């Protein structure tokens, strides 16, 4: 038998995907499952985007793009940051990637040497740890608190930075909590990291799905950041596998060189389609959908509380609620299985996102319509008594 590399055993399991598989199997057997599990919007690509992709295909524009992406798309992304996210960005610093996963892979390969340590909050998005591991690095999960909205603080950086620490990977808003880091707190955190000559990788995938605050990129605070973003969530293009990164100027050529070898380019037809995301009528549609997500959040937060499932911090972005099930169970994995098989509702156990709060937390995704959310709450209420 062929001997596998050690990293295959070290790879962190993504339990949300396993839950999705179980829910799909039940659905294929004829059982109706309401999924509050996988973080995939129920909205799909905008009509303008589909039409632009079809036109590009019909026009024979399906060949390779430059490794950093189509110039028109890089310019459109930079313009979006200027007009929508409060940060002036040079298009030459934008690199289009195969999803945000492709951006994270390139960032990890560019910044992390074997043995380097990266600080992350607990809870966080589980695959992030695997990208650091793929580059030969290690991760240190730092338990977060309700007081800090389940986010890292400058004090955490001071206390946990060690000889092998190279940088931090943070997300605002976060998966699984849906919480953002307040601007003042983020400024202090970035200052602490840069004082130690470290890097800040900033996941802004859910930034455009912010509900309560002004949407502003961390680049408005400090230009020396590595920004990761995606067309999957706000732009509703999960299967198109398209994302981007914004990096300091000195990192562009080295990352472009790696991108040319690792992926050649991001999917070209998807890139042609994505240019249409930034047309005024498309942006208006995305804003309508953002408002729909806000309405779902405003329904589900009090609905979960009525089921004796706590919401320690109200999410201000993304489409997740990080629920506290302490009053219901001390085993989130067992509780998740019970909801799936008893209430026919899929929600992700806290185990996925780090050990600190795993036993008593669940992630509920409001990525389905309001009527289905209401039915899910009805089912859970009946099941839980």
Protein backbone atom coordinates (compact mmCIF):
# COMPACT_ATOMS: atom_id res chain seq x y z
CA UNK A 1 0.00 0.00 0.00
CA UNK A 2 1.25 3.47 -0.92
CA UNK A 3 2.39 5.42 2.14
CA UNK A 4 0.60 8.77 2.48
CA UNK A 5 2.18 12.00 3.64
CA UNK A 6 1.76 12.81 7.32
CA UNK A 7 -0.31 15.91 6.50
CA UNK A 8 -3.16 13.71 5.31
CA UNK A 9 -3.62 12.52 8.89
CA UNK A 10 -3.14 16.02 10.32
CA UNK A 11 -5.79 17.61 8.09
CA UNK A 12 -8.64 19.02 10.17
CA UNK A 13 -11.99 17.42 9.35
CA UNK A 14 -14.68 19.80 8.08
CA UNK A 15 -17.70 18.47 9.95
CA UNK A 16 -20.14 20.81 8.18
CA UNK A 17 -19.43 18.92 4.95
CA UNK A 18 -20.01 15.61 6.70
CA UNK A 19 -23.33 16.93 8.00
CA UNK A 20 -24.21 18.04 4.47
CA UNK A 21 -23.54 14.51 3.23
CA UNK A 22 -25.81 13.02 5.90
CA UNK A 23 -28.59 15.52 5.19
CA UNK A 24 -28.31 14.87 1.44
CA UNK A 25 -28.59 11.10 1.99
CA UNK A 26 -31.77 11.60 4.02
CA UNK A 27 -33.20 13.89 1.35
CA UNK A 28 -32.46 11.34 -1.37
CA UNK A 29 -34.41 8.77 0.65
CA UNK A 30 -37.44 11.05 0.51
CA UNK A 31 -37.13 12.81 3.90
CA UNK A 32 -37.52 16.59 3.89
CA UNK A 33 -34.53 18.20 5.64
CA UNK A 34 -34.28 21.92 6.33
CA UNK A 35 -30.62 22.84 6.21
CA UNK A 36 -29.24 25.48 8.55
CA UNK A 37 -25.87 23.85 8.06
CA UNK A 38 -23.69 24.60 5.04
CA UNK A 39 -22.92 28.29 4.55
CA UNK A 40 -24.15 28.54 0.97
CA UNK A 41 -26.64 31.24 0.00
CA UNK A 42 -29.94 30.03 -1.45
CA UNK A 43 -29.66 32.90 -3.94
CA UNK A 44 -27.76 32.08 -7.14
CA UNK A 45 -25.72 34.16 -9.57
CA UNK A 46 -27.38 37.34 -10.81
CA UNK A 47 -28.96 37.18 -14.31
CA UNK A 48 -26.48 39.80 -15.54
CA UNK A 49 -23.59 37.61 -14.48
CA UNK A 50 -24.97 34.53 -16.22
CA UNK A 51 -25.60 36.50 -19.39
CA UNK A 52 -22.08 37.94 -19.37
CA UNK A 53 -20.59 34.48 -18.93
CA UNK A 54 -22.73 33.05 -21.74
CA UNK A 55 -21.74 35.88 -24.07
CA UNK A 56 -18.07 35.32 -23.29
CA UNK A 57 -18.44 31.59 -24.00
CA UNK A 58 -20.22 32.25 -27.28
CA UNK A 59 -17.51 34.74 -28.22
CA UNK A 60 -14.75 32.19 -27.65
CA UNK A 61 -13.28 33.95 -24.61
CA UNK A 62 -12.64 30.73 -22.73
CA UNK A 63 -8.85 30.65 -22.99
CA UNK A 64 -6.39 31.31 -20.17
CA UNK A 65 -6.39 34.73 -18.57
CA UNK A 66 -3.25 36.35 -17.14
CA UNK A 67 -2.29 34.62 -13.87
CA UNK A 68 -3.42 37.63 -11.82
CA UNK A 69 -6.76 37.79 -13.60
CA UNK A 70 -8.49 39.78 -16.32
CA UNK A 71 -7.42 43.45 -16.11
CA UNK A 72 -11.05 44.58 -16.39
CA UNK A 73 -12.03 42.46 -13.41
CA UNK A 74 -9.10 43.63 -11.29
CA UNK A 75 -10.09 47.22 -12.04
CA UNK A 76 -13.72 46.53 -11.16
CA UNK A 77 -12.76 44.97 -7.82
CA UNK A 78 -10.51 47.93 -6.99
CA UNK A 79 -13.34 50.29 -7.89
CA UNK A 80 -15.72 48.37 -5.62
CA UNK A 81 -13.39 48.89 -2.68
CA UNK A 82 -13.19 52.59 -3.44
CA UNK A 83 -16.93 53.21 -3.83
CA UNK A 84 -18.41 50.60 -1.48
CA UNK A 85 -15.82 49.63 1.12
CA UNK A 86 -14.06 52.89 1.93
CA UNK A 87 -10.54 52.04 0.78
CA UNK A 88 -8.70 53.27 -2.30
CA UNK A 89 -7.01 50.27 -3.96
CA UNK A 90 -4.55 50.12 -6.86
CA UNK A 91 -5.89 47.51 -9.36
CA UNK A 92 -2.33 46.20 -9.76
CA UNK A 93 -2.49 44.94 -6.15
CA UNK A 94 -5.58 42.81 -6.87
CA UNK A 95 -4.98 39.15 -7.75
CA UNK A 96 -7.97 37.08 -8.92
CA UNK A 97 -7.94 33.51 -7.61
CA UNK A 98 -9.83 30.21 -7.73
CA UNK A 99 -12.11 31.13 -4.84
CA UNK A 100 -10.96 32.63 -1.57
CA UNK A 101 -9.43 29.20 -0.95
CA UNK A 102 -7.03 29.85 -3.81
CA UNK A 103 -6.17 33.21 -2.30
CA UNK A 104 -5.51 31.69 1.11
CA UNK A 105 -3.33 28.98 -0.40
CA UNK A 106 -1.20 31.56 -2.25
CA UNK A 107 -0.96 33.78 0.85
CA UNK A 108 0.13 30.84 3.01
CA UNK A 109 2.72 29.72 0.47
CA UNK A 110 4.07 33.28 0.19
CA UNK A 111 4.31 34.04 3.90
CA UNK A 112 4.77 30.83 5.89
CA UNK A 113 7.92 28.75 6.23
CA UNK A 114 7.99 25.27 7.78
CA UNK A 115 7.65 25.60 11.54
CA UNK A 116 6.15 29.09 11.46
CA UNK A 117 3.15 29.65 13.73
CA UNK A 118 -0.02 31.56 12.86
CA UNK A 119 -2.43 32.82 15.52
CA UNK A 120 -6.17 32.32 14.96
CA UNK A 121 -9.26 32.82 17.09
CA UNK A 122 -11.20 29.95 18.55
CA UNK A 123 -13.82 29.70 17.06
CA UNK A 124 -12.79 30.10 13.42
CA UNK A 125 -13.40 28.58 9.98
CA UNK A 126 -11.80 25.11 10.20
CA UNK A 127 -10.18 24.75 6.73
CA UNK A 128 -8.01 27.81 7.43
CA UNK A 129 -5.82 25.63 9.63
CA UNK A 130 -5.29 23.19 6.76
CA UNK A 131 -3.94 25.89 4.46
CA UNK A 132 -1.37 26.90 7.05
CA UNK A 133 -0.46 23.23 7.47
CA UNK A 134 -0.09 22.78 3.71
CA UNK A 135 2.60 25.46 3.77
CA UNK A 136 4.39 23.63 6.60
CA UNK A 137 3.22 25.96 9.34
CA UNK A 138 1.35 25.40 12.58
CA UNK A 139 -1.66 27.15 14.05
CA UNK A 140 -2.33 28.32 17.57
CA UNK A 141 -6.00 28.67 18.42
CA UNK A 142 -6.63 31.35 21.03
CA UNK A 143 -9.88 30.98 23.01
CA UNK A 144 -12.04 34.07 22.59
CA UNK A 145 -14.65 35.62 24.87
CA UNK A 146 -18.18 36.96 24.62
CA UNK A 147 -16.83 40.33 25.80
CA UNK A 148 -14.61 40.50 22.69
CA UNK A 149 -17.41 39.23 20.42
CA UNK A 150 -15.54 35.94 19.91
CA UNK A 151 -12.72 37.86 18.17
CA UNK A 152 -9.02 38.28 18.89
CA UNK A 153 -7.83 41.41 20.66
CA UNK A 154 -4.56 43.28 20.91
CA UNK A 155 -4.16 41.79 24.40
CA UNK A 156 -4.36 38.30 22.90
CA UNK A 157 -1.53 39.20 20.53
CA UNK A 158 0.63 40.41 23.41
CA UNK A 159 -0.03 37.32 25.51
CA UNK A 160 0.26 34.61 22.84
CA UNK A 161 2.93 35.86 20.43
CA UNK A 162 5.90 33.51 20.66
CA UNK A 163 9.30 32.99 19.05
CA UNK A 164 7.82 31.02 16.13
CA UNK A 165 4.80 33.27 15.56
CA UNK A 166 4.76 34.83 12.11
CA UNK A 167 1.35 36.45 11.89
CA UNK A 168 -2.40 36.24 12.41
CA UNK A 169 -5.39 35.14 10.34
CA UNK A 170 -8.63 36.84 11.33
CA UNK A 171 -12.07 37.32 9.79
CA UNK A 172 -14.48 40.22 10.16
CA UNK A 173 -17.34 39.39 9.99
CA UNK A 174 -16.51 35.90 11.17
CA UNK A 175 -17.60 32.41 10.30
CA UNK A 176 -19.09 30.90 12.54
CA UNK A 177 -20.07 33.83 14.78
CA UNK A 178 -21.21 36.49 12.32
CA UNK A 179 -19.46 39.10 14.47
CA UNK A 180 -17.14 41.90 13.37
CA UNK A 181 -14.16 43.47 15.08
CA UNK A 182 -14.88 47.11 16.01
CA UNK A 183 -12.65 49.55 14.15
CA UNK A 184 -10.77 50.77 17.23
CA UNK A 185 -10.11 47.22 18.42
CA UNK A 186 -8.95 46.17 14.95
CA UNK A 187 -6.61 49.16 14.77
CA UNK A 188 -5.00 48.16 18.07
CA UNK A 189 -4.68 44.52 16.98
CA UNK A 190 -3.02 45.41 13.66
CA UNK A 191 -0.63 47.75 15.46
CA UNK A 192 0.43 45.00 17.87
CA UNK A 193 1.10 42.54 15.03
CA UNK A 194 3.06 45.00 12.91
CA UNK A 195 5.11 46.06 15.94
CA UNK A 196 6.37 42.45 15.92
CA UNK A 197 7.05 42.51 12.16
CA UNK A 198 4.20 40.06 11.66
CA UNK A 199 1.61 39.77 8.90
CA UNK A 200 -2.13 40.23 9.14
CA UNK A 201 -4.21 38.04 6.84
CA UNK A 202 -7.67 39.55 6.85
CA UNK A 203 -10.67 37.52 5.68
CA UNK A 204 -13.26 39.99 4.36
CA UNK A 205 -15.42 37.40 2.61
CA UNK A 206 -18.52 38.50 4.55
CA UNK A 207 -17.73 42.22 4.76
CA UNK A 208 -20.35 43.20 2.20
CA UNK A 209 -22.91 41.19 4.20
CA UNK A 210 -22.73 43.58 7.15
CA UNK A 211 -26.02 44.82 8.60
CA UNK A 212 -25.50 47.19 11.50
CA UNK A 213 -22.35 49.15 10.72
CA UNK A 214 -20.70 51.03 7.87
CA UNK A 215 -19.02 48.57 5.55
CA UNK A 216 -15.35 49.48 5.55
CA UNK A 217 -12.34 47.40 4.60
CA UNK A 218 -9.47 47.00 7.03
CA UNK A 219 -7.37 48.59 4.28
CA UNK A 220 -8.85 51.91 5.39
CA UNK A 221 -6.94 51.40 8.66
CA UNK A 222 -3.66 50.03 7.32
CA UNK A 223 -2.52 49.43 3.76
CA UNK A 224 0.02 46.76 4.71
CA UNK A 225 -2.43 43.85 4.94
CA UNK A 226 -3.23 40.69 2.99
CA UNK A 227 -6.94 40.82 2.18
CA UNK A 228 -8.87 37.68 1.21
CA UNK A 229 -12.28 37.90 -0.45
CA UNK A 230 -14.70 35.92 -2.58
CA UNK A 231 -17.55 36.06 -5.08
CA UNK A 232 -19.28 33.19 -3.26
CA UNK A 233 -21.25 34.90 -0.49
CA UNK A 234 -22.36 38.49 -1.21
CA UNK A 235 -22.29 37.85 -4.97
CA UNK A 236 -23.96 34.41 -4.62
CA UNK A 237 -21.49 32.57 -6.90
CA UNK A 238 -20.37 29.61 -4.78
CA UNK A 239 -19.83 27.08 -7.57
CA UNK A 240 -18.12 29.54 -9.87
CA UNK A 241 -14.97 29.21 -7.74
CA UNK A 242 -13.79 32.78 -7.95
CA UNK A 243 -12.17 35.00 -5.36
CA UNK A 244 -9.43 37.57 -4.98
CA UNK A 245 -6.70 38.86 -2.75
CA UNK A 246 -5.29 42.35 -2.27
CA UNK A 247 -1.65 42.42 -1.25
CA UNK A 248 1.15 44.95 -0.70
CA UNK A 249 2.89 45.91 -3.94
CA UNK A 250 6.10 43.97 -3.17
CA UNK A 251 4.10 40.72 -2.91
CA UNK A 252 2.37 40.96 -6.30
CA UNK A 253 5.05 39.52 -8.57
CA UNK A 254 6.07 36.62 -6.29
CA UNK A 255 2.42 35.60 -5.82
CA UNK A 256 1.71 35.98 -9.53
CA UNK A 257 4.67 33.69 -10.24
CA UNK A 258 3.28 31.03 -7.88
CA UNK A 259 -0.25 31.44 -9.23
CA UNK A 260 0.97 30.77 -12.76
CA UNK A 261 2.37 27.42 -11.64
CA UNK A 262 -0.28 26.30 -9.15
CA UNK A 263 -3.41 27.22 -11.08
CA UNK A 264 -2.33 29.01 -14.31
CA UNK A 265 -5.35 31.27 -13.76
CA UNK A 266 -8.77 31.42 -12.15
CA UNK A 267 -11.67 30.11 -14.32
CA UNK A 268 -11.77 32.56 -17.21
CA UNK A 269 -15.46 32.33 -18.05
CA UNK A 270 -16.29 32.90 -14.39
CA UNK A 271 -14.10 36.00 -14.50
CA UNK A 272 -15.93 37.38 -17.54
CA UNK A 273 -19.22 36.81 -15.77
CA UNK A 274 -18.00 38.40 -12.55
CA UNK A 275 -17.26 41.72 -14.25
CA UNK A 276 -21.05 42.16 -14.48
CA UNK A 277 -21.33 41.93 -10.67
CA UNK A 278 -20.28 45.55 -10.44
CA UNK A 279 -22.93 46.97 -12.78
CA UNK A 280 -25.40 49.25 -10.94
CA UNK A 281 -28.44 47.01 -11.52
CA UNK A 282 -26.54 43.94 -10.28
CA UNK A 283 -25.34 45.76 -7.17
CA UNK A 284 -28.93 46.85 -6.50
CA UNK A 285 -30.00 43.21 -6.64
CA UNK A 286 -27.25 42.14 -4.23
CA UNK A 287 -28.37 44.86 -1.81
CA UNK A 288 -31.95 43.55 -1.94
CA UNK A 289 -30.63 40.11 -1.08
CA UNK A 290 -28.53 41.52 1.75
CA UNK A 291 -31.71 43.02 3.20
CA UNK A 292 -33.37 39.59 2.95
CA UNK A 293 -30.52 38.10 4.99
CA UNK A 294 -30.95 40.87 7.57
CA UNK A 295 -34.66 40.05 7.89
CA UNK A 296 -33.85 36.38 8.39
CA UNK A 297 -31.34 37.22 11.13
CA UNK A 298 -33.87 39.45 12.85
CA UNK A 299 -36.36 36.56 12.87
CA UNK A 300 -34.04 33.72 13.83
CA UNK A 301 -32.17 35.33 16.75
CA UNK A 302 -35.27 35.76 18.94
CA UNK A 303 -36.74 32.50 17.62
CA UNK A 304 -33.71 30.53 18.86
CA UNK A 305 -33.88 32.29 22.21
CA UNK A 306 -37.52 31.22 22.49
CA UNK A 307 -36.28 27.62 22.15
CA UNK A 308 -33.91 28.16 25.08
CA UNK A 309 -30.93 28.33 22.73
CA UNK A 310 -28.84 31.31 23.75
CA UNK A 311 -27.31 33.89 21.41
CA UNK A 312 -24.46 35.36 23.48
CA UNK A 313 -23.53 37.91 20.80
CA UNK A 314 -25.97 39.11 18.16
CA UNK A 315 -24.30 38.72 14.74
CA UNK A 316 -23.82 41.92 12.76
CA UNK A 317 -22.80 40.25 9.50
CA UNK A 318 -22.46 37.07 7.43
CA UNK A 319 -25.42 34.64 7.71
CA UNK A 320 -24.60 32.68 10.85
CA UNK A 321 -25.78 32.61 14.45
CA UNK A 322 -23.42 31.11 17.02
CA UNK A 323 -25.86 29.58 19.47
CA UNK A 324 -25.32 28.42 23.05
CA UNK A 325 -27.11 25.12 23.72
CA UNK A 326 -25.97 24.76 27.35
CA UNK A 327 -29.56 24.73 28.57
CA UNK A 328 -30.33 21.88 26.17
CA UNK A 329 -27.22 19.73 26.00
CA UNK A 330 -23.57 19.46 26.99
CA UNK A 331 -22.69 17.60 23.78
CA UNK A 332 -23.17 19.66 20.61
CA UNK A 333 -22.37 16.74 18.31
CA UNK A 334 -25.08 14.60 19.88
CA UNK A 335 -27.48 17.54 19.82
CA UNK A 336 -26.76 18.15 16.12
CA UNK A 337 -27.44 14.48 15.34
CA UNK A 338 -30.66 14.60 17.37
CA UNK A 339 -31.91 17.66 15.50
CA UNK A 340 -31.12 16.05 12.16
CA UNK A 341 -32.79 12.73 12.89
CA UNK A 342 -35.54 13.95 15.21
CA UNK A 343 -36.51 17.40 13.95
CA UNK A 344 -35.22 17.00 10.39
CA UNK A 345 -33.18 20.18 10.78
CA UNK A 346 -29.45 20.31 9.99
CA UNK A 347 -27.18 22.59 12.05
CA UNK A 348 -23.43 22.35 12.64
CA UNK A 349 -21.95 21.30 15.99
CA UNK A 350 -19.43 23.63 17.61
CA UNK A 351 -16.73 20.97 17.30
CA UNK A 352 -16.05 22.20 13.77
CA UNK A 353 -14.73 25.59 14.84
CA UNK A 354 -12.29 24.86 17.65
CA UNK A 355 -12.31 23.17 21.07
CA UNK A 356 -12.79 26.16 23.39
CA UNK A 357 -16.57 26.42 23.04
CA UNK A 358 -17.23 23.21 21.10
CA UNK A 359 -19.33 21.26 23.60
CA UNK A 360 -22.02 23.88 24.12
CA UNK A 361 -22.25 25.76 20.82
CA UNK A 362 -23.93 25.29 17.43
CA UNK A 363 -23.78 27.26 14.20
CA UNK A 364 -27.14 28.02 12.61
CA UNK A 365 -26.97 29.36 9.04
CA UNK A 366 -29.90 31.44 7.79
CA UNK A 367 -29.22 30.59 4.16
CA UNK A 368 -32.75 29.50 3.40
CA UNK A 369 -35.95 31.48 2.93
CA UNK A 370 -37.96 32.95 5.79
CA UNK A 371 -40.80 30.45 5.43
CA UNK A 372 -38.39 27.54 5.68
CA UNK A 373 -36.72 29.14 8.71
CA UNK A 374 -40.12 29.41 10.36
CA UNK A 375 -40.81 25.76 9.60
CA UNK A 376 -37.40 24.79 11.02
CA UNK A 377 -38.19 26.61 14.26
CA UNK A 378 -41.62 24.91 14.38
CA UNK A 379 -39.97 21.50 13.96
CA UNK A 380 -37.35 22.19 16.62
CA UNK A 381 -39.99 23.46 19.02
CA UNK A 382 -42.06 20.31 18.55
CA UNK A 383 -39.02 18.08 18.94
CA UNK A 384 -37.56 19.85 21.96
CA UNK A 385 -40.86 20.17 23.74
